[in-house]
Amino acid sequence: MAEDEASRISAAAGVEPVLEAKGLSQGQIVRKRFLGHSGAIIGLVVFAFIFILAFTSVGYLGIPGWWKYSHTQVSPLVNGGAPTSSLWPLAWGEHPFGQDRIGRDLFAMTMRGAQQSITIMIVIGLIAGLIVVVVGAISGYFRGWSEAILMRLTDVIIIIPALLLAAVMAALAGRRDQGSWFASFASTNGVLALGIFLGLISWVALARLMRGEFLSLREREFVDAARISGASNARIIFKHILPNAVGVLIVNVTLTMSAAILTETALSYLGVGVKAPDTSLGLLISQNQQAFATRPWLFWFPGMFIVLICLSINFIGDGLRDAFDPRQKKFNAKKAADHGGAAVQAGTVTGLGASAPEDPRNDGPADGTRGQ
């Protein structure tokens, strides 16, 4: 009875009882906690909607989409370039997001910009995650001179502003007259080159976290047991330590991908990111900044998609953090006090209704009263 009451109070206070996770694998526990995080589920649904809408509407990699305009197609202005969509009465219209001053469809350009931003975000996450695993594993597990070299390299990279490095790389990519391989690659694969470059400078903060995780896990008993049994260093790292550190990796890479959206937006706004004739969400805002007072819808929709993508990724990262780390579970002290007080009152009432036990020393009840 006491265990059931404690479990009920813990559940009401927002703390997951230990007995609830009994019999479940680690993956099932993580999935259950993630699906119970309402913000993460909402963020996942919003991001999935934006992803599907962006990559199916205007097409991708030569695959045609269902929207009739492309991001470079010019057509006559409709409704003076203002959005033709409306909430009441509900209508979509010819150009739901409006048109720019030369007649390009803003919906197509926004979807193309969302494609580029999401592509850069995924490339940054993959490259940064791979580098973090390598640097964190080598420096945290082997230590010694390898740790000293890698951590000093991290210190050098982390003090250089990313915007300054991006400006230098953009200048090198723009010198096409010299025919360098970097300029040729950047001119034909601008989005991929930008994603690779940002991924190469976005891993430094995560590498320190992964190194600390490896430093902690390498001293655990299961690692000592694997080492005594004759397991190689590679097997210990990838089979025993890395699966236990994957939660920290996934959570922080997800949050890095969210920050990458804002970095790409800032670089494109400054003119050192995605270049015309291609487009991105940041470039759309930069190109139309002079029309803010007269045609504000040119800012509304690209800005709205930037905010939605960043918020959804942040909510997903927050849900993953709570799922992988049970210590992040919030404790509701007020609910615990309320339910605890109710339980104490119930116990008091029950005790009053019962007869007091006999005290063998006084040959009477234990409350000090004498039998009449």
Protein backbone atom coordinates (compact mmCIF):
# COMPACT_ATOMS: atom_id res chain seq x y z
CA MET A 1 0.00 0.00 0.00
CA ALA A 2 2.81 2.39 0.86
CA GLU A 3 4.57 1.72 -2.45
CA ASP A 4 1.36 2.31 -4.41
CA GLU A 5 0.76 5.59 -2.57
CA ALA A 6 4.37 6.71 -3.22
CA SER A 7 4.04 5.87 -6.90
CA ARG A 8 0.77 7.80 -7.13
CA ILE A 9 2.30 10.87 -5.47
CA SER A 10 5.40 10.69 -7.70
CA ALA A 11 3.32 10.43 -10.85
CA ALA A 12 1.17 13.39 -9.82
CA ALA A 13 4.28 15.44 -9.07
CA GLY A 14 5.68 14.84 -12.53
CA VAL A 15 8.26 12.22 -11.58
CA GLU A 16 8.22 8.95 -13.48
CA PRO A 17 8.14 6.01 -11.05
CA VAL A 18 11.00 3.55 -11.30
CA LEU A 19 8.61 0.61 -11.38
CA GLU A 20 6.98 2.04 -14.52
CA ALA A 21 10.16 1.47 -16.56
CA LYS A 22 10.67 -2.06 -15.27
CA GLY A 23 10.89 -4.62 -18.07
CA LEU A 24 11.49 -2.03 -20.83
CA SER A 25 14.60 -1.72 -22.96
CA GLN A 26 16.56 1.52 -23.15
CA GLY A 27 15.12 2.30 -26.57
CA GLN A 28 11.56 1.73 -25.36
CA ILE A 29 12.10 3.97 -22.34
CA VAL A 30 13.53 6.76 -24.53
CA ARG A 31 10.70 6.43 -27.04
CA LYS A 32 8.07 6.48 -24.28
CA ARG A 33 9.53 9.61 -22.69
CA PHE A 34 9.87 11.37 -26.04
CA LEU A 35 6.29 10.59 -27.08
CA GLY A 36 5.14 11.91 -23.70
CA HIS A 37 6.76 15.30 -24.36
CA SER A 38 3.99 17.37 -25.96
CA GLY A 39 6.31 20.16 -27.14
CA ALA A 40 8.58 17.70 -28.94
CA ILE A 41 5.66 16.02 -30.69
CA ILE A 42 4.27 19.38 -31.84
CA GLY A 43 7.73 20.40 -33.07
CA LEU A 44 8.14 17.09 -34.91
CA VAL A 45 4.76 17.47 -36.62
CA VAL A 46 5.49 21.08 -37.64
CA PHE A 47 8.94 20.25 -38.99
CA ALA A 48 7.62 17.21 -40.89
CA PHE A 49 4.91 19.40 -42.46
CA ILE A 50 7.44 22.05 -43.52
CA PHE A 51 9.83 19.39 -44.85
CA ILE A 52 7.15 17.67 -46.95
CA LEU A 53 5.71 20.98 -48.18
CA ALA A 54 9.11 22.39 -49.18
CA PHE A 55 10.46 19.34 -50.98
CA THR A 56 7.26 18.31 -52.79
CA SER A 57 5.90 21.70 -53.87
CA VAL A 58 8.66 23.02 -56.15
CA GLY A 59 10.56 19.77 -56.71
CA TYR A 60 14.11 18.79 -55.79
CA LEU A 61 17.12 17.38 -57.67
CA GLY A 62 15.29 17.39 -60.99
CA ILE A 63 12.12 15.80 -59.62
CA PRO A 64 9.17 18.07 -60.51
CA GLY A 65 6.82 19.34 -57.81
CA TRP A 66 3.11 19.98 -57.73
CA TRP A 67 3.36 23.81 -57.66
CA LYS A 68 3.04 25.41 -61.10
CA TYR A 69 5.66 28.15 -60.60
CA SER A 70 9.39 27.88 -60.04
CA HIS A 71 11.50 30.22 -57.92
CA THR A 72 12.99 31.86 -61.03
CA GLN A 73 9.86 32.09 -63.20
CA VAL A 74 8.56 35.62 -63.88
CA SER A 75 4.83 36.19 -64.45
CA PRO A 76 2.56 39.27 -64.66
CA LEU A 77 1.69 40.87 -61.35
CA VAL A 78 -1.61 39.74 -59.86
CA ASN A 79 -3.40 41.87 -57.26
CA GLY A 80 -0.52 44.33 -57.39
CA GLY A 81 1.86 41.65 -56.12
CA ALA A 82 -0.02 41.29 -52.81
CA PRO A 83 -0.92 37.82 -51.46
CA THR A 84 -4.05 36.36 -53.05
CA SER A 85 -4.80 34.01 -50.15
CA SER A 86 -7.27 34.83 -47.41
CA LEU A 87 -8.51 33.15 -44.24
CA TRP A 88 -12.14 34.28 -44.58
CA PRO A 89 -13.50 33.37 -46.95
CA LEU A 90 -10.89 30.63 -47.21
CA ALA A 91 -9.08 31.04 -50.52
CA TRP A 92 -5.66 30.07 -51.92
CA GLY A 93 -5.48 32.18 -55.07
CA GLU A 94 -2.92 32.38 -57.84
CA HIS A 95 -0.04 33.63 -55.66
CA PRO A 96 -0.86 32.84 -51.99
CA PHE A 97 2.32 34.47 -50.64
CA GLY A 98 2.33 37.28 -53.19
CA GLN A 99 5.00 38.30 -55.74
CA ASP A 100 8.14 40.38 -55.68
CA ARG A 101 8.55 43.54 -57.75
CA ILE A 102 9.51 41.67 -60.95
CA GLY A 103 6.72 39.09 -60.69
CA ARG A 104 8.39 36.01 -59.19
CA ASP A 105 6.12 33.85 -57.03
CA LEU A 106 7.04 34.27 -53.35
CA PHE A 107 5.60 30.87 -52.36
CA ALA A 108 7.97 29.12 -54.78
CA MET A 109 10.92 31.20 -53.59
CA THR A 110 10.08 30.57 -49.93
CA MET A 111 9.82 26.82 -50.51
CA ARG A 112 13.14 26.85 -52.37
CA GLY A 113 14.69 28.83 -49.52
CA ALA A 114 13.33 26.35 -46.98
CA GLN A 115 14.84 23.51 -49.03
CA GLN A 116 18.25 25.13 -48.99
CA SER A 117 18.12 25.92 -45.28
CA ILE A 118 17.05 22.38 -44.35
CA THR A 119 19.71 20.87 -46.64
CA ILE A 120 22.44 23.00 -45.08
CA MET A 121 21.15 22.10 -41.61
CA ILE A 122 21.30 18.36 -42.32
CA VAL A 123 24.79 18.58 -43.87
CA ILE A 124 26.07 20.53 -40.87
CA GLY A 125 24.56 18.00 -38.46
CA LEU A 126 26.14 15.01 -40.24
CA ILE A 127 29.61 16.54 -40.57
CA ALA A 128 29.68 18.04 -37.08
CA GLY A 129 28.42 14.79 -35.55
CA LEU A 130 31.08 12.72 -37.31
CA ILE A 131 33.90 15.04 -36.27
CA VAL A 132 32.60 15.21 -32.70
CA VAL A 133 32.63 11.41 -32.38
CA VAL A 134 36.18 11.12 -33.72
CA VAL A 135 37.67 14.00 -31.73
CA GLY A 136 35.78 13.22 -28.52
CA ALA A 137 36.58 9.50 -28.66
CA ILE A 138 40.30 9.95 -29.35
CA SER A 139 40.86 12.74 -26.82
CA GLY A 140 38.62 11.30 -24.12
CA TYR A 141 39.63 7.65 -24.35
CA PHE A 142 43.35 7.73 -25.22
CA ARG A 143 44.19 11.04 -23.53
CA GLY A 144 47.92 11.90 -23.47
CA TRP A 145 49.46 13.78 -26.38
CA SER A 146 46.46 13.16 -28.66
CA GLU A 147 44.16 14.89 -26.17
CA ALA A 148 46.53 17.83 -25.85
CA ILE A 149 46.81 18.34 -29.62
CA LEU A 150 43.07 18.00 -30.34
CA MET A 151 42.02 20.26 -27.48
CA ARG A 152 44.50 22.97 -28.50
CA LEU A 153 43.15 22.74 -32.06
CA THR A 154 39.65 23.13 -30.63
CA ASP A 155 40.76 26.21 -28.69
CA VAL A 156 42.19 27.80 -31.85
CA ILE A 157 39.05 27.20 -33.93
CA ILE A 158 36.60 28.25 -31.24
CA ILE A 159 38.08 31.76 -30.86
CA ILE A 160 37.78 32.61 -34.58
CA PRO A 161 34.38 34.17 -35.45
CA ALA A 162 32.38 32.03 -37.84
CA LEU A 163 31.23 35.04 -39.86
CA LEU A 164 34.83 36.09 -40.47
CA LEU A 165 35.80 32.62 -41.64
CA ALA A 166 32.74 32.51 -43.88
CA ALA A 167 33.66 35.85 -45.46
CA VAL A 168 37.17 34.60 -46.22
CA MET A 169 35.90 31.34 -47.70
CA ALA A 170 33.32 33.21 -49.80
CA ALA A 171 36.06 35.50 -51.15
CA LEU A 172 38.16 32.48 -52.11
CA ALA A 173 35.17 30.82 -53.74
CA GLY A 174 34.47 33.96 -55.77
CA ARG A 175 37.93 34.04 -57.37
CA ARG A 176 36.96 31.87 -60.29
CA ASP A 177 39.54 33.38 -62.60
CA GLN A 178 42.31 31.38 -60.97
CA GLY A 179 40.53 28.10 -61.70
CA SER A 180 41.14 26.58 -58.27
CA TRP A 181 39.33 23.37 -57.34
CA PHE A 182 37.71 25.09 -54.37
CA ALA A 183 36.31 27.91 -56.52
CA SER A 184 35.05 25.42 -59.09
CA PHE A 185 33.38 23.26 -56.45
CA ALA A 186 31.82 26.24 -54.63
CA SER A 187 30.48 27.74 -57.86
CA THR A 188 28.70 24.52 -58.87
CA ASN A 189 27.70 23.27 -55.40
CA GLY A 190 27.11 26.46 -53.42
CA VAL A 191 24.69 25.06 -50.84
CA LEU A 192 26.71 21.89 -50.29
CA ALA A 193 29.95 23.86 -50.00
CA LEU A 194 28.38 26.22 -47.45
CA GLY A 195 27.03 23.29 -45.42
CA ILE A 196 30.41 21.51 -45.44
CA PHE A 197 32.24 24.66 -44.40
CA LEU A 198 29.84 25.45 -41.55
CA GLY A 199 30.00 21.83 -40.42
CA LEU A 200 33.80 22.04 -40.23
CA ILE A 201 33.60 24.92 -37.73
CA SER A 202 30.48 23.91 -35.76
CA TRP A 203 31.88 20.90 -33.91
CA VAL A 204 34.23 22.55 -31.42
CA ALA A 205 31.77 23.10 -28.56
CA LEU A 206 30.28 19.63 -28.96
CA ALA A 207 33.72 18.01 -28.97
CA ARG A 208 34.34 19.20 -25.43
CA LEU A 209 31.06 17.69 -24.25
CA MET A 210 31.78 14.38 -25.97
CA ARG A 211 35.31 14.31 -24.55
CA GLY A 212 33.92 14.77 -21.04
CA GLU A 213 31.43 11.97 -21.62
CA PHE A 214 34.19 9.60 -22.77
CA LEU A 215 36.36 10.60 -19.81
CA SER A 216 33.54 9.60 -17.47
CA LEU A 217 32.54 6.38 -19.22
CA ARG A 218 36.08 5.03 -19.67
CA GLU A 219 36.34 4.62 -15.88
CA ARG A 220 33.17 2.53 -15.57
CA GLU A 221 33.20 -1.13 -14.58
CA PHE A 222 31.84 -2.46 -17.88
CA VAL A 223 34.73 -0.82 -19.74
CA ASP A 224 37.23 -2.43 -17.36
CA ALA A 225 35.53 -5.79 -17.87
CA ALA A 226 35.71 -5.43 -21.65
CA ARG A 227 39.37 -4.45 -21.46
CA ILE A 228 40.22 -7.44 -19.24
CA SER A 229 38.37 -9.80 -21.58
CA GLY A 230 40.73 -8.74 -24.39
CA ALA A 231 38.52 -6.37 -26.38
CA SER A 232 40.36 -3.98 -28.68
CA ASN A 233 40.26 -0.21 -28.21
CA ALA A 234 38.07 0.21 -31.30
CA ARG A 235 35.56 -2.35 -29.98
CA ILE A 236 35.48 -0.71 -26.56
CA ILE A 237 34.89 2.73 -28.10
CA PHE A 238 32.22 1.81 -30.65
CA LYS A 239 30.58 -1.15 -28.92
CA HIS A 240 30.60 -0.17 -25.24
CA ILE A 241 31.25 3.57 -24.75
CA LEU A 242 29.63 5.23 -27.78
CA PRO A 243 26.18 3.61 -27.31
CA ASN A 244 26.12 5.03 -23.77
CA ALA A 245 27.11 8.50 -25.02
CA VAL A 246 24.74 8.60 -27.99
CA GLY A 247 22.14 10.54 -25.99
CA VAL A 248 24.48 13.47 -25.41
CA LEU A 249 25.53 13.32 -29.08
CA ILE A 250 22.02 13.31 -30.54
CA VAL A 251 20.68 16.06 -28.30
CA ASN A 252 23.55 18.48 -28.88
CA VAL A 253 23.80 17.81 -32.61
CA THR A 254 20.06 18.56 -32.88
CA LEU A 255 20.48 21.89 -31.10
CA THR A 256 23.51 22.67 -33.29
CA MET A 257 21.37 22.08 -36.37
CA SER A 258 18.87 24.61 -35.04
CA ALA A 259 21.64 27.19 -34.59
CA ALA A 260 22.88 26.38 -38.10
CA ILE A 261 19.62 27.70 -39.57
CA LEU A 262 20.25 31.10 -38.01
CA THR A 263 23.92 31.06 -39.05
CA GLU A 264 23.01 30.32 -42.66
CA THR A 265 20.37 33.03 -42.56
CA ALA A 266 22.86 35.58 -41.23
CA LEU A 267 25.49 34.66 -43.84
CA SER A 268 23.01 34.85 -46.70
CA TYR A 269 21.72 38.19 -45.40
CA LEU A 270 25.29 39.53 -45.37
CA GLY A 271 25.88 38.27 -48.91
CA VAL A 272 28.41 35.53 -48.11
CA GLY A 273 25.98 32.61 -48.06
CA VAL A 274 23.71 31.34 -50.82
CA LYS A 275 24.10 33.42 -53.99
CA ALA A 276 21.63 34.31 -56.76
CA PRO A 277 20.14 32.92 -58.99
CA ASP A 278 19.59 30.41 -56.18
CA THR A 279 17.86 31.61 -53.06
CA SER A 280 17.50 30.99 -49.34
CA LEU A 281 15.34 32.39 -46.56
CA GLY A 282 18.05 34.80 -45.44
CA LEU A 283 18.75 35.92 -49.00
CA LEU A 284 15.05 36.63 -49.57
CA ILE A 285 14.99 38.99 -46.59
CA SER A 286 18.22 40.64 -47.74
CA GLN A 287 17.03 41.18 -51.32
CA ASN A 288 13.73 42.74 -50.25
CA GLN A 289 14.83 44.85 -47.30
CA GLN A 290 14.20 48.08 -49.22
CA ALA A 291 10.53 47.14 -49.67
CA PHE A 292 9.77 46.58 -46.00
CA ALA A 293 7.48 49.62 -45.70
CA THR A 294 5.60 49.14 -48.97
CA ARG A 295 5.53 45.32 -49.46
CA PRO A 296 5.89 43.78 -45.98
CA TRP A 297 4.66 40.32 -47.05
CA LEU A 298 8.06 39.80 -48.67
CA PHE A 299 9.37 39.55 -45.06
CA TRP A 300 6.44 37.89 -43.34
CA PHE A 301 6.60 34.48 -44.97
CA PRO A 302 10.40 33.89 -45.13
CA GLY A 303 10.68 35.15 -41.55
CA MET A 304 7.79 32.96 -40.42
CA PHE A 305 9.42 29.84 -41.88
CA ILE A 306 12.75 30.68 -40.24
CA VAL A 307 11.03 30.99 -36.86
CA LEU A 308 8.97 27.81 -37.32
CA ILE A 309 11.96 25.69 -38.37
CA CYS A 310 14.13 26.93 -35.50
CA LEU A 311 11.41 26.52 -32.88
CA SER A 312 10.44 23.04 -34.06
CA ILE A 313 14.05 21.83 -34.00
CA ASN A 314 14.56 23.35 -30.55
CA PHE A 315 11.44 21.63 -29.21
CA ILE A 316 12.58 18.33 -30.70
CA GLY A 317 15.99 18.76 -29.07
CA ASP A 318 14.36 19.57 -25.75
CA GLY A 319 12.26 16.42 -25.97
CA LEU A 320 15.30 14.30 -26.83
CA ARG A 321 17.18 15.74 -23.86
CA ASP A 322 14.36 14.82 -21.49
CA ALA A 323 14.08 11.38 -23.07
CA PHE A 324 17.75 10.47 -22.87
CA ASP A 325 18.43 12.06 -19.48
CA PRO A 326 15.85 11.21 -16.79
CA ARG A 327 17.48 13.76 -14.48
CA GLN A 328 15.92 16.47 -16.66
CA LYS A 329 12.45 15.39 -15.50
CA LYS A 330 10.83 18.34 -13.76
CA PHE A 331 9.60 17.87 -10.21
CA ASN A 332 6.37 19.66 -9.30
CA ALA A 333 6.78 20.44 -5.60
CA LYS A 334 3.30 21.93 -5.24
CA LYS A 335 1.56 18.82 -6.55
CA ALA A 336 3.79 16.60 -4.43
CA ALA A 337 2.94 18.63 -1.30
CA ASP A 338 -0.78 18.59 -2.09
CA HIS A 339 -0.91 14.85 -2.66
CA GLY A 340 1.39 14.18 0.26
CA GLY A 341 -0.83 16.23 2.58
CA ALA A 342 -3.91 14.40 1.34
CA ALA A 343 -2.23 11.07 2.01
CA VAL A 344 -1.25 12.14 5.55
CA GLN A 345 -4.80 13.31 6.28
CA ALA A 346 -6.21 10.03 4.99
CA GLY A 347 -3.80 8.11 7.22
CA THR A 348 -4.79 10.22 10.24
CA VAL A 349 -8.49 9.59 9.70
CA THR A 350 -7.85 5.88 9.33
CA GLY A 351 -5.82 5.85 12.54
CA LEU A 352 -8.56 7.62 14.50
CA GLY A 353 -11.09 5.02 13.47
CA ALA A 354 -8.95 2.14 14.76
CA SER A 355 -8.61 1.10 18.38
CA ALA A 356 -5.36 1.90 20.18
CA PRO A 357 -3.05 -1.06 20.87
CA GLU A 358 -2.73 -2.39 24.38
CA ASP A 359 0.30 -1.37 26.46
CA PRO A 360 1.51 -4.52 28.27
CA ARG A 361 3.24 -2.46 30.99
CA ASN A 362 0.08 -0.66 32.10
CA ASP A 363 -2.31 -3.49 31.33
CA GLY A 364 -4.39 -1.02 29.29
CA PRO A 365 -4.49 0.93 26.09
CA ALA A 366 -1.25 2.54 24.79
CA ASP A 367 -2.78 6.05 24.82
CA GLY A 368 -2.56 6.24 28.62
CA THR A 369 -6.27 5.86 29.41
CA ARG A 370 -7.52 3.34 31.90
CA GLY A 371 -10.23 0.87 31.21
CA GLN A 372 -13.42 1.80 32.97
